[in-house]
Amino acid sequence: MIRLKGFKNVVYMSVALGMLIYSLPQLQLRDVGSLPMIFSCIWIAMALLVIASHLHQILGVDEEKRRELKRINRMKKWQLEQLVQGRRKMLQFRK
């Protein structure tokens, strides 16, 4: 079953891809160096960045990094609780 977060990314990526496909015939890419051509190139690049970012989230490329950061945050929270309770023993862990 697709998670809601993943579903949102699929929908947003589909919308961005649809906008890109719809706009390609209307963008002016013929006059080299003209302002409309520069705008068209920048618009296409931004659309591709949006699509790439959603694809990155869908594929879960940084899932392992997210788990590691969650583990580190739990450890920091535990250390803070120990400090507040008066136990001065702080664990050091490697990066």
Protein backbone atom coordinates (compact mmCIF):
# COMPACT_ATOMS: atom_id res chain seq x y z
CA MET A 1 0.00 0.00 0.00
CA ILE A 2 1.32 3.44 -0.92
CA ARG A 3 1.90 5.78 2.00
CA LEU A 4 0.08 9.11 1.87
CA LYS A 5 3.38 10.99 1.69
CA GLY A 6 4.52 8.89 -1.25
CA PHE A 7 1.15 9.34 -2.93
CA LYS A 8 1.43 13.12 -2.64
CA ASN A 9 4.87 13.02 -4.24
CA VAL A 10 3.54 10.91 -7.12
CA VAL A 11 0.66 13.33 -7.68
CA TYR A 12 2.86 16.43 -7.53
CA MET A 13 5.45 14.88 -9.83
CA SER A 14 2.71 13.92 -12.29
CA VAL A 15 1.35 17.47 -12.26
CA ALA A 16 4.83 18.93 -12.86
CA LEU A 17 5.48 16.44 -15.66
CA GLY A 18 2.10 17.25 -17.20
CA MET A 19 2.84 20.98 -17.07
CA LEU A 20 6.21 20.39 -18.73
CA ILE A 21 4.73 18.25 -21.52
CA TYR A 22 1.90 20.73 -22.07
CA SER A 23 4.21 23.76 -22.18
CA LEU A 24 7.00 22.40 -24.40
CA PRO A 25 5.22 23.10 -27.72
CA GLN A 26 4.38 26.66 -26.63
CA LEU A 27 7.84 27.62 -25.37
CA GLN A 28 10.01 29.55 -27.80
CA LEU A 29 13.30 27.73 -28.21
CA ARG A 30 14.24 28.94 -31.72
CA ASP A 31 15.79 32.40 -31.29
CA VAL A 32 19.18 31.83 -29.67
CA GLY A 33 19.98 34.47 -27.06
CA SER A 34 16.54 36.09 -26.98
CA LEU A 35 14.74 36.72 -23.70
CA PRO A 36 11.88 34.30 -24.47
CA MET A 37 14.40 31.54 -25.16
CA ILE A 38 16.32 32.25 -21.94
CA PHE A 39 13.03 32.22 -19.99
CA SER A 40 12.05 28.93 -21.65
CA CYS A 41 15.34 27.27 -20.74
CA ILE A 42 15.13 28.45 -17.13
CA TRP A 43 11.48 27.33 -16.89
CA ILE A 44 12.33 23.87 -18.24
CA ALA A 45 15.28 23.56 -15.82
CA MET A 46 13.09 24.49 -12.84
CA ALA A 47 10.39 22.02 -13.91
CA LEU A 48 13.00 19.27 -14.21
CA LEU A 49 14.34 20.11 -10.74
CA VAL A 50 10.83 19.80 -9.26
CA ILE A 51 10.32 16.46 -11.00
CA ALA A 52 13.75 15.22 -9.86
CA SER A 53 13.12 16.21 -6.24
CA HIS A 54 9.81 14.35 -6.12
CA LEU A 55 11.35 11.32 -7.79
CA HIS A 56 14.13 11.41 -5.17
CA GLN A 57 11.52 11.34 -2.39
CA ILE A 58 9.51 8.57 -4.06
CA LEU A 59 12.55 6.32 -4.45
CA GLY A 60 13.55 6.93 -0.81
CA VAL A 61 17.20 7.48 -1.63
CA ASP A 62 17.93 9.10 1.72
CA GLU A 63 15.94 6.65 3.87
CA GLU A 64 19.07 5.30 5.58
CA LYS A 65 20.25 8.82 6.40
CA ARG A 66 16.83 9.64 7.84
CA ARG A 67 17.00 6.58 10.11
CA GLU A 68 20.50 7.53 11.29
CA LEU A 69 19.43 11.10 12.09
CA LYS A 70 16.42 9.76 14.00
CA ARG A 71 18.71 7.52 16.05
CA ILE A 72 21.04 10.44 16.81
CA ASN A 73 18.12 12.65 17.85
CA ARG A 74 16.81 9.93 20.19
CA MET A 75 20.26 9.68 21.78
CA LYS A 76 20.50 13.45 22.25
CA LYS A 77 17.03 13.51 23.81
CA TRP A 78 18.01 10.69 26.17
CA GLN A 79 21.21 12.54 27.14
CA LEU A 80 19.22 15.70 27.85
CA GLU A 81 16.79 13.75 30.02
CA GLN A 82 19.72 12.25 31.95
CA LEU A 83 21.22 15.71 32.44
CA VAL A 84 17.90 17.14 33.67
CA GLN A 85 17.44 14.25 36.11
CA GLY A 86 20.84 14.99 37.61
CA ARG A 87 22.77 12.10 36.17
CA ARG A 88 25.89 13.62 34.71
CA LYS A 89 26.95 10.57 32.76
CA MET A 90 26.93 11.56 29.11
CA LEU A 91 27.62 8.95 26.48
CA GLN A 92 29.89 9.79 23.61
CA PHE A 93 29.15 8.15 20.30
CA ARG A 94 30.98 8.12 17.02
CA LYS A 95 29.78 9.93 13.94
